[in-house]
Amino acid sequence: MFLSVFDVFKIGIGPSSSHTMGPMVAAARFLDLLRARAETVPTAVRVRLHGSLAFTGKGHATDRAVVLGLLGHRPEDLDVGVAEAQLAELRQTRTLRPAGLPALSFDPEADVIFDYGPPLPGHANGLVFQALDGAGAVLVAETFYSIGGGFVVTAADRETVPAASKAVVAGWPYPFESAARMLSMARDSGLSIAAMKRANEDEVRPAGEVAEKLDRIWAVMNGCIERGLAAEGELPGRLKVKRRARSIHQQLLRERRANTGQPHVVSDWLSVYAMAVNEENAAGGTVVTAPTNGAAGVIPAVLRYYLDHCAGAERGMVPDFLLTAAAIGGLIKHNASISGAEAGCQGEVGSAAAMAAAGLCAVLGGTPEQVENAAEIALEHHLGMTCDPVAGLVQVPCIERNAIGAMKAVAAASLALRGDGTHVMPLDNCIEAMRQTGEEMSTKFKETSLGGLAVNLPEC
């Protein structure tokens, strides 16, 4: 299997990779489809959101993301100032003017339709775009699924991707599709998991590009932490959640200067790094999917913890951390899911914690067997975790949940390093357990805000 580290870690915007980034990408792809069909001359466009995209779309800014995609924006290069001006103009004119296409009638308030019926069959996050003629007849229609982490597939892709992925396995130096195969390849080659992952990347990228792009990923992650530690005020949405990262960080700095912190204060440092990222995500800021936006704080927090607090930490080990984490994330995505709408939060924060535990274990000198053990420990203790965002916002419990996930990741790595890598439950089996649990979990607890914490908030 080959899933690039840059597919796992993508630069984008908050608050959600599946509900914001994915729909924006889908909208842009639909325009590309229309451009490819030059014989078709549409006059209007509309989109219907299904499943989780409908139920939590308002809180996740899905409608805004769709409109931005139709305006030609993509998550990785969004200019917020330009976008806001274009949104304001569109509300007045109700007309899209995409490059290479005729003017299209589009009312953002009426033509993004929230369908609260059953989800589409391919995935809980489905959206259908339609291009219409002057009489309202459908000329072109395409169904997209936003499957988590910013990944988007069409209905046709959904059926052909499994077969296609198997066909390309033999084309990579280390095409592991399971943790067992990964460990076998590591033993046979004498390479670390990071080295095998890097060899796969080097197969498709020019020399030096992997290192350059990994540096960029970490720079964006760390920049997100810094912005979150500096920002104050309330997060968007009716919950009026106050940012806390800056205040907690200032307390920690004072305690460090006075040498008055408790032994467990390192957990607070982990927490504040993660909360800083997820407060930025909730505010719609620039983040890195890791592997999703809802779980974007765990990996940056653990990596920053390594650099700031671990004895012998080296900046040069950051790529190995990210490559190892991406290898684990790829296994989880390939064999289960990283989508909260499909697997619950075990698929988001659980996956992120497993990835972070693996990365930390690797850079602290862990063997491939210890790395696999660390990932399994972290994932095992997130099994069954629901995704029940209050008010459909990626805030409660999401922000604190990333903090706790980061703590679990560090504990898992530490436990694994105390052993020799042998353990009872293999990572592959744990991933399969997560997949089964996600399948059997009620849709009320899979990013629909219809159960759990989402329906147990005091009105006062």
Protein backbone atom coordinates (compact mmCIF):
# COMPACT_ATOMS: atom_id res chain seq x y z
CA MET A 1 0.00 0.00 0.00
CA PHE A 2 1.22 3.53 -0.72
CA LEU A 3 -0.54 6.47 0.85
CA SER A 4 1.77 9.46 0.78
CA VAL A 5 2.72 11.23 3.96
CA PHE A 6 1.46 14.35 2.19
CA ASP A 7 -1.94 12.74 1.74
CA VAL A 8 -2.10 12.05 5.46
CA PHE A 9 -0.80 15.52 6.38
CA LYS A 10 -2.47 18.19 4.26
CA ILE A 11 -2.44 21.93 4.84
CA GLY A 12 -5.94 23.31 4.95
CA ILE A 13 -8.46 25.28 6.96
CA GLY A 14 -10.74 24.60 9.91
CA PRO A 15 -12.98 23.56 11.36
CA SER A 16 -13.30 20.15 9.67
CA SER A 17 -11.37 18.18 7.08
CA SER A 18 -14.40 16.09 6.12
CA HIS A 19 -17.07 18.78 6.44
CA THR A 20 -15.13 21.87 5.33
CA MET A 21 -12.08 20.91 3.28
CA GLY A 22 -13.66 17.93 1.54
CA PRO A 23 -16.80 19.74 0.32
CA MET A 24 -14.67 22.66 -0.90
CA VAL A 25 -12.54 20.27 -2.92
CA ALA A 26 -15.64 18.49 -4.23
CA ALA A 27 -17.14 21.77 -5.45
CA ALA A 28 -13.95 22.69 -7.28
CA ARG A 29 -13.85 19.23 -8.86
CA PHE A 30 -17.44 19.61 -10.05
CA LEU A 31 -16.48 22.80 -11.87
CA ASP A 32 -13.60 20.92 -13.47
CA LEU A 33 -16.09 18.28 -14.61
CA LEU A 34 -18.27 20.95 -16.21
CA ARG A 35 -15.25 22.44 -17.99
CA ALA A 36 -14.43 19.01 -19.40
CA ARG A 37 -17.91 18.77 -20.91
CA ALA A 38 -17.71 21.67 -23.29
CA GLU A 39 -20.82 20.50 -25.18
CA THR A 40 -22.93 21.14 -22.07
CA VAL A 41 -24.06 24.72 -21.42
CA PRO A 42 -25.55 24.95 -17.91
CA THR A 43 -27.16 28.09 -16.50
CA ALA A 44 -27.44 27.18 -12.81
CA VAL A 45 -25.90 25.00 -10.10
CA ARG A 46 -27.19 23.50 -6.88
CA VAL A 47 -25.88 21.06 -4.28
CA ARG A 48 -27.61 18.76 -1.81
CA LEU A 49 -25.88 17.71 1.44
CA HIS A 50 -26.68 14.30 2.93
CA GLY A 51 -26.03 12.42 6.15
CA SER A 52 -23.57 13.95 8.60
CA LEU A 53 -22.88 16.81 6.18
CA ALA A 54 -26.51 17.85 6.57
CA PHE A 55 -26.85 17.30 10.31
CA THR A 56 -23.69 19.16 11.36
CA GLY A 57 -23.06 21.14 8.20
CA LYS A 58 -24.00 24.52 9.65
CA GLY A 59 -21.72 24.14 12.65
CA HIS A 60 -18.90 22.81 10.47
CA ALA A 61 -19.32 25.61 7.88
CA THR A 62 -20.04 23.06 5.13
CA ASP A 63 -22.34 25.41 3.23
CA ARG A 64 -19.70 28.14 3.24
CA ALA A 65 -17.06 25.64 2.11
CA VAL A 66 -19.18 24.49 -0.83
CA VAL A 67 -19.70 28.08 -1.93
CA LEU A 68 -15.98 28.84 -1.66
CA GLY A 69 -15.22 25.80 -3.79
CA LEU A 70 -17.68 26.99 -6.43
CA LEU A 71 -15.92 30.34 -6.32
CA GLY A 72 -12.72 28.55 -7.29
CA HIS A 73 -10.96 28.32 -3.92
CA ARG A 74 -9.12 25.31 -2.54
CA PRO A 75 -8.20 24.74 1.12
CA GLU A 76 -4.43 24.80 0.66
CA ASP A 77 -4.31 28.29 -0.86
CA LEU A 78 -7.40 30.05 0.51
CA ASP A 79 -7.01 33.83 0.84
CA VAL A 80 -9.60 34.69 3.50
CA GLY A 81 -9.75 38.38 2.57
CA VAL A 82 -10.41 37.68 -1.09
CA ALA A 83 -12.87 34.93 -0.21
CA GLU A 84 -14.96 37.16 2.07
CA ALA A 85 -15.21 39.85 -0.59
CA GLN A 86 -16.34 37.29 -3.16
CA LEU A 87 -18.90 35.81 -0.76
CA ALA A 88 -20.38 39.24 -0.16
CA GLU A 89 -20.60 39.89 -3.90
CA LEU A 90 -22.24 36.50 -4.51
CA ARG A 91 -24.91 37.19 -1.91
CA GLN A 92 -25.79 40.32 -3.87
CA THR A 93 -25.58 39.02 -7.43
CA ARG A 94 -26.49 35.34 -6.89
CA THR A 95 -24.29 34.59 -9.87
CA LEU A 96 -21.12 32.53 -10.16
CA ARG A 97 -18.58 33.44 -12.83
CA PRO A 98 -16.14 30.51 -12.87
CA ALA A 99 -13.22 30.62 -15.26
CA GLY A 100 -13.88 28.70 -18.46
CA LEU A 101 -17.63 28.43 -17.88
CA PRO A 102 -20.67 30.61 -18.54
CA ALA A 103 -22.21 32.63 -15.73
CA LEU A 104 -24.18 30.33 -13.41
CA SER A 105 -27.19 31.27 -11.33
CA PHE A 106 -26.54 30.30 -7.71
CA ASP A 107 -28.18 31.53 -4.50
CA PRO A 108 -26.06 30.48 -1.50
CA GLU A 109 -29.11 30.52 0.77
CA ALA A 110 -31.40 28.44 -1.46
CA ASP A 111 -29.12 26.30 -3.60
CA VAL A 112 -27.19 24.56 -0.82
CA ILE A 113 -29.82 22.11 0.40
CA PHE A 114 -29.56 20.27 3.72
CA ASP A 115 -31.22 16.85 3.30
CA TYR A 116 -31.94 15.32 6.70
CA GLY A 117 -33.16 12.01 5.29
CA PRO A 118 -31.15 8.77 5.22
CA PRO A 119 -27.50 9.12 4.17
CA LEU A 120 -26.37 8.12 0.71
CA PRO A 121 -25.25 4.48 0.41
CA GLY A 122 -21.55 5.10 -0.20
CA HIS A 123 -20.61 7.01 2.96
CA ALA A 124 -22.15 9.09 5.74
CA ASN A 125 -20.70 12.26 4.18
CA GLY A 126 -22.37 12.55 0.79
CA LEU A 127 -23.08 15.55 -1.42
CA VAL A 128 -24.67 15.73 -4.87
CA PHE A 129 -23.92 18.56 -7.31
CA GLN A 130 -26.20 19.33 -10.23
CA ALA A 131 -25.81 21.64 -13.22
CA LEU A 132 -29.16 22.79 -14.67
CA ASP A 133 -30.37 24.30 -17.91
CA GLY A 134 -32.67 27.31 -18.21
CA ALA A 135 -35.77 25.15 -17.75
CA GLY A 136 -34.44 23.58 -14.56
CA ALA A 137 -33.58 20.22 -16.14
CA VAL A 138 -30.47 18.46 -14.82
CA LEU A 139 -27.68 18.42 -17.42
CA VAL A 140 -24.84 17.05 -15.29
CA ALA A 141 -24.90 15.48 -11.84
CA GLU A 142 -22.10 14.05 -9.73
CA THR A 143 -22.12 12.42 -6.30
CA PHE A 144 -19.09 12.98 -4.07
CA TYR A 145 -18.20 11.45 -0.72
CA SER A 146 -15.98 13.28 1.75
CA ILE A 147 -14.41 10.27 3.44
CA GLY A 148 -12.31 11.96 6.12
CA GLY A 149 -9.02 13.80 6.28
CA GLY A 150 -9.93 15.97 3.30
CA PHE A 151 -10.11 12.96 0.96
CA VAL A 152 -12.89 13.13 -1.65
CA VAL A 153 -14.08 10.39 -3.99
CA THR A 154 -16.94 10.13 -6.45
CA ALA A 155 -19.55 7.40 -6.24
CA ALA A 156 -17.74 5.62 -9.08
CA ASP A 157 -14.38 6.01 -7.29
CA ARG A 158 -15.88 4.44 -4.18
CA GLU A 159 -16.47 1.22 -6.09
CA THR A 160 -13.19 1.08 -8.02
CA VAL A 161 -10.63 2.32 -5.46
CA PRO A 162 -10.22 -1.00 -3.57
CA ALA A 163 -9.38 -2.90 -6.76
CA ALA A 164 -7.11 -0.13 -8.00
CA SER A 165 -5.21 0.06 -4.72
CA LYS A 166 -4.44 -3.66 -4.85
CA ALA A 167 -3.18 -3.36 -8.40
CA VAL A 168 -0.46 -0.85 -7.50
CA VAL A 169 0.85 -2.60 -4.39
CA ALA A 170 3.72 -4.24 -6.24
CA GLY A 171 5.03 -0.91 -7.54
CA TRP A 172 6.59 0.36 -4.29
CA PRO A 173 9.75 -0.71 -2.46
CA TYR A 174 7.86 -1.42 0.78
CA PRO A 175 4.17 -1.89 -0.04
CA PHE A 176 2.91 -2.96 3.38
CA GLU A 177 -0.87 -3.17 3.73
CA SER A 178 -0.83 -4.39 7.32
CA ALA A 179 1.21 -3.87 10.44
CA ALA A 180 2.33 -7.50 10.31
CA ARG A 181 3.69 -7.02 6.80
CA MET A 182 5.31 -3.75 7.85
CA LEU A 183 7.17 -5.48 10.68
CA SER A 184 8.19 -8.34 8.41
CA MET A 185 9.62 -5.91 5.86
CA ALA A 186 11.44 -4.01 8.61
CA ARG A 187 13.05 -7.22 9.87
CA ASP A 188 14.04 -8.36 6.37
CA SER A 189 15.45 -4.98 5.32
CA GLY A 190 16.91 -3.85 8.61
CA LEU A 191 15.23 -0.50 8.09
CA SER A 192 13.10 1.57 10.41
CA ILE A 193 9.46 2.26 9.60
CA ALA A 194 10.39 5.85 8.76
CA ALA A 195 13.14 4.70 6.38
CA MET A 196 10.74 2.39 4.54
CA LYS A 197 8.15 5.13 4.30
CA ARG A 198 10.79 7.55 3.01
CA ALA A 199 11.88 5.01 0.37
CA ASN A 200 8.28 4.81 -0.86
CA GLU A 201 8.06 8.60 -1.03
CA ASP A 202 11.38 8.87 -2.88
CA GLU A 203 9.98 6.55 -5.54
CA VAL A 204 7.56 9.24 -6.72
CA ARG A 205 9.29 12.51 -5.78
CA PRO A 206 12.46 14.32 -6.85
CA ALA A 207 15.47 14.22 -4.54
CA GLY A 208 15.11 16.62 -1.63
CA GLU A 209 11.41 17.24 -2.10
CA VAL A 210 10.32 14.96 0.75
CA ALA A 211 12.54 16.71 3.30
CA GLU A 212 11.47 20.14 2.07
CA LYS A 213 7.77 19.33 2.24
CA LEU A 214 8.06 17.68 5.66
CA ASP A 215 9.76 20.82 6.96
CA ARG A 216 6.85 22.83 5.59
CA ILE A 217 4.30 20.55 7.30
CA TRP A 218 6.01 20.93 10.67
CA ALA A 219 6.37 24.69 10.20
CA VAL A 220 2.62 25.02 9.63
CA MET A 221 1.85 22.75 12.59
CA ASN A 222 4.16 24.67 14.90
CA GLY A 223 2.92 28.01 13.59
CA CYS A 224 -0.60 26.92 14.42
CA ILE A 225 0.48 26.15 17.99
CA GLU A 226 2.09 29.59 18.31
CA ARG A 227 -0.99 31.40 16.96
CA GLY A 228 -3.22 29.46 19.31
CA LEU A 229 -1.02 30.28 22.30
CA ALA A 230 -1.24 33.99 21.47
CA ALA A 231 -4.93 34.37 20.62
CA GLU A 232 -7.73 35.40 22.96
CA GLY A 233 -11.49 35.84 22.77
CA GLU A 234 -14.48 33.68 21.92
CA LEU A 235 -14.68 31.01 19.26
CA PRO A 236 -17.38 31.30 16.57
CA GLY A 237 -20.79 29.79 17.23
CA ARG A 238 -23.61 29.93 19.71
CA LEU A 239 -21.73 28.10 22.48
CA LYS A 240 -19.53 31.17 23.01
CA VAL A 241 -16.59 28.99 24.02
CA LYS A 242 -13.68 31.04 25.32
CA ARG A 243 -10.15 30.33 24.15
CA ARG A 244 -8.07 29.01 27.04
CA ALA A 245 -4.70 28.08 25.56
CA ARG A 246 -3.13 31.52 26.02
CA SER A 247 -4.15 31.78 29.68
CA ILE A 248 -2.96 28.26 30.49
CA HIS A 249 0.32 28.87 28.68
CA GLN A 250 0.97 32.04 30.66
CA GLN A 251 0.32 30.18 33.90
CA LEU A 252 2.77 27.47 32.89
CA LEU A 253 5.45 30.00 32.00
CA ARG A 254 5.07 31.71 35.38
CA GLU A 255 5.28 28.40 37.23
CA ARG A 256 8.37 27.38 35.28
CA ARG A 257 10.13 30.64 36.11
CA ALA A 258 9.24 30.25 39.79
CA ASN A 259 9.93 26.51 39.76
CA THR A 260 6.57 25.86 41.47
CA GLY A 261 4.95 23.38 39.08
CA GLN A 262 3.78 19.92 40.14
CA PRO A 263 5.40 16.80 38.67
CA HIS A 264 2.39 16.22 36.43
CA VAL A 265 2.71 19.68 34.88
CA VAL A 266 4.19 18.15 31.74
CA SER A 267 0.66 16.92 30.97
CA ASP A 268 -0.49 20.52 31.02
CA TRP A 269 2.16 21.45 28.48
CA LEU A 270 0.93 18.66 26.22
CA SER A 271 -2.64 19.83 26.71
CA VAL A 272 -1.95 23.46 25.97
CA TYR A 273 -0.15 22.66 22.72
CA ALA A 274 -3.07 20.51 21.54
CA MET A 275 -5.70 23.00 22.68
CA ALA A 276 -3.91 25.83 20.90
CA VAL A 277 -4.17 23.95 17.60
CA ASN A 278 -7.78 22.95 18.03
CA GLU A 279 -8.85 26.43 19.08
CA GLU A 280 -7.30 27.69 15.86
CA ASN A 281 -9.10 24.95 13.96
CA ALA A 282 -12.42 25.85 15.57
CA ALA A 283 -11.86 29.47 14.52
CA GLY A 284 -11.41 28.40 10.89
CA GLY A 285 -7.65 28.98 10.88
CA THR A 286 -4.91 27.24 8.91
CA VAL A 287 -4.17 23.75 10.24
CA VAL A 288 -2.70 20.47 9.06
CA THR A 289 -4.96 17.44 8.85
CA ALA A 290 -3.37 14.95 11.21
CA PRO A 291 -5.09 12.80 10.07
CA THR A 292 -8.21 15.02 10.29
CA ASN A 293 -8.93 18.57 11.39
CA GLY A 294 -10.98 17.44 14.38
CA ALA A 295 -7.89 15.56 15.59
CA ALA A 296 -5.34 18.07 14.32
CA GLY A 297 -3.89 18.92 17.73
CA VAL A 298 -2.63 15.53 18.90
CA ILE A 299 0.39 15.01 16.63
CA PRO A 300 1.68 18.63 16.76
CA ALA A 301 1.33 18.57 20.55
CA VAL A 302 3.30 15.35 20.97
CA LEU A 303 5.97 16.46 18.50
CA ARG A 304 6.33 19.84 20.23
CA TYR A 305 6.47 17.98 23.56
CA TYR A 306 9.32 15.87 22.20
CA LEU A 307 11.29 18.91 21.06
CA ASP A 308 10.66 21.04 24.16
CA HIS A 309 10.66 18.50 26.99
CA CYS A 310 12.36 15.22 26.04
CA ALA A 311 16.02 14.64 26.90
CA GLY A 312 18.20 14.32 23.81
CA ALA A 313 15.54 15.61 21.42
CA GLU A 314 16.85 16.56 17.97
CA ARG A 315 15.17 18.82 15.44
CA GLY A 316 16.52 16.52 12.75
CA MET A 317 14.25 13.72 13.97
CA VAL A 318 11.05 15.59 13.06
CA PRO A 319 10.85 13.94 9.59
CA ASP A 320 11.19 10.47 11.13
CA PHE A 321 8.37 11.28 13.55
CA LEU A 322 6.07 12.42 10.75
CA LEU A 323 6.96 9.55 8.40
CA THR A 324 6.37 6.96 11.12
CA ALA A 325 3.09 8.56 12.12
CA ALA A 326 1.97 8.65 8.49
CA ALA A 327 2.75 4.96 8.05
CA ILE A 328 0.42 4.11 10.93
CA GLY A 329 -2.22 6.53 9.71
CA GLY A 330 -2.11 4.94 6.28
CA LEU A 331 -2.70 1.49 7.76
CA ILE A 332 -5.70 2.72 9.72
CA LYS A 333 -7.23 4.53 6.77
CA HIS A 334 -6.66 1.57 4.44
CA ASN A 335 -8.07 -1.06 6.79
CA ALA A 336 -10.68 0.90 8.74
CA SER A 337 -11.48 4.63 8.69
CA ILE A 338 -10.30 8.02 9.92
CA SER A 339 -13.76 9.55 9.42
CA GLY A 340 -15.77 10.57 12.47
CA ALA A 341 -18.96 10.23 10.43
CA GLU A 342 -18.03 6.63 9.63
CA ALA A 343 -16.23 5.40 12.74
CA GLY A 344 -16.85 7.94 15.50
CA CYS A 345 -14.07 9.81 17.26
CA GLN A 346 -12.10 6.59 17.68
CA GLY A 347 -11.38 7.06 13.99
CA GLU A 348 -10.19 10.64 14.46
CA VAL A 349 -8.55 11.24 17.85
CA GLY A 350 -7.95 7.51 18.29
CA SER A 351 -6.08 7.34 15.01
CA ALA A 352 -4.17 10.54 15.78
CA ALA A 353 -3.10 9.19 19.17
CA ALA A 354 -1.89 5.94 17.60
CA MET A 355 0.07 7.89 14.99
CA ALA A 356 1.58 10.23 17.59
CA ALA A 357 2.50 7.35 19.90
CA ALA A 358 4.27 5.60 17.04
CA GLY A 359 6.13 8.75 16.01
CA LEU A 360 7.28 9.51 19.55
CA CYS A 361 8.34 5.94 20.20
CA ALA A 362 10.38 5.97 16.99
CA VAL A 363 12.29 9.18 17.71
CA LEU A 364 12.98 8.04 21.28
CA GLY A 365 14.80 5.03 19.87
CA GLY A 366 12.05 2.44 19.68
CA THR A 367 12.36 -0.60 17.47
CA PRO A 368 9.70 -1.22 14.79
CA GLU A 369 8.12 -3.76 17.16
CA GLN A 370 7.96 -1.20 19.97
CA VAL A 371 6.55 1.40 17.55
CA GLU A 372 3.77 -0.99 16.50
CA ASN A 373 3.08 -1.73 20.17
CA ALA A 374 2.86 1.98 21.00
CA ALA A 375 0.35 2.57 18.22
CA GLU A 376 -1.75 -0.37 19.36
CA ILE A 377 -1.83 0.75 22.99
CA ALA A 378 -2.95 4.25 22.04
CA LEU A 379 -5.64 3.07 19.61
CA GLU A 380 -6.91 0.33 21.92
CA HIS A 381 -7.78 2.84 24.60
CA HIS A 382 -9.87 4.97 22.27
CA LEU A 383 -12.04 2.12 20.99
CA GLY A 384 -15.74 2.94 21.14
CA MET A 385 -15.23 6.69 21.42
CA THR A 386 -18.18 8.53 19.94
CA CYS A 387 -18.20 11.68 17.82
CA ASP A 388 -20.90 13.87 19.36
CA PRO A 389 -19.98 17.53 18.82
CA VAL A 390 -22.21 19.87 20.78
CA ALA A 391 -24.19 22.21 18.51
CA GLY A 392 -22.41 20.67 15.53
CA LEU A 393 -19.31 22.72 16.35
CA VAL A 394 -15.79 21.30 16.46
CA GLN A 395 -15.30 22.66 19.99
CA VAL A 396 -16.95 20.64 22.78
CA PRO A 397 -15.63 18.02 23.48
CA CYS A 398 -13.20 18.17 20.55
CA ILE A 399 -10.67 20.69 21.88
CA GLU A 400 -10.10 18.98 25.23
CA ARG A 401 -10.35 15.56 23.60
CA ASN A 402 -7.23 16.34 21.57
CA ALA A 403 -5.41 17.24 24.78
CA ILE A 404 -6.32 13.93 26.39
CA GLY A 405 -5.44 12.08 23.18
CA ALA A 406 -1.97 13.61 23.26
CA MET A 407 -1.49 12.47 26.85
CA LYS A 408 -2.59 8.95 25.94
CA ALA A 409 -0.14 8.94 23.04
CA VAL A 410 2.81 9.82 25.26
CA ALA A 411 1.78 7.24 27.87
CA ALA A 412 1.46 4.59 25.16
CA ALA A 413 4.90 5.35 23.73
CA SER A 414 6.44 5.26 27.19
CA LEU A 415 4.83 1.91 28.04
CA ALA A 416 5.95 0.41 24.74
CA LEU A 417 9.53 1.56 25.30
CA ARG A 418 9.53 -0.25 28.66
CA GLY A 419 9.00 -3.54 26.85
CA ASP A 420 10.57 -5.40 23.96
CA GLY A 421 7.68 -5.00 21.52
CA THR A 422 5.96 -8.29 22.27
CA HIS A 423 2.31 -7.97 23.28
CA VAL A 424 -0.98 -9.83 23.18
CA MET A 425 -3.12 -7.70 20.82
CA PRO A 426 -1.55 -6.97 17.40
CA LEU A 427 -2.18 -3.55 15.90
CA ASP A 428 -3.90 -5.14 12.88
CA ASN A 429 -6.47 -6.76 15.13
CA CYS A 430 -7.01 -3.53 17.03
CA ILE A 431 -7.63 -1.68 13.76
CA GLU A 432 -10.12 -4.35 12.72
CA ALA A 433 -11.86 -4.02 16.10
CA MET A 434 -12.16 -0.29 15.47
CA ARG A 435 -13.65 -0.92 12.04
CA GLN A 436 -16.21 -3.34 13.45
CA THR A 437 -17.06 -1.00 16.32
CA GLY A 438 -17.58 1.85 13.88
CA GLU A 439 -19.89 -0.23 11.72
CA GLU A 440 -22.02 -1.22 14.71
CA MET A 441 -22.08 2.22 16.33
CA SER A 442 -25.38 4.08 16.13
CA THR A 443 -25.43 6.95 13.66
CA LYS A 444 -26.48 9.15 16.59
CA PHE A 445 -22.88 8.94 17.79
CA LYS A 446 -21.13 9.44 14.45
CA GLU A 447 -20.86 13.20 13.86
CA THR A 448 -24.59 13.88 13.56
CA SER A 449 -24.96 15.67 16.93
CA LEU A 450 -28.06 13.56 17.59
CA GLY A 451 -26.79 11.77 20.69
CA GLY A 452 -24.36 11.75 23.58
CA LEU A 453 -22.92 15.05 24.76
CA ALA A 454 -24.60 16.88 21.88
CA VAL A 455 -28.05 16.35 23.42
CA ASN A 456 -27.02 16.71 27.05
CA LEU A 457 -26.08 20.37 27.28
CA PRO A 458 -27.98 22.51 29.82
CA GLU A 459 -30.06 25.15 28.07
CA CYS A 460 -28.96 27.75 30.59
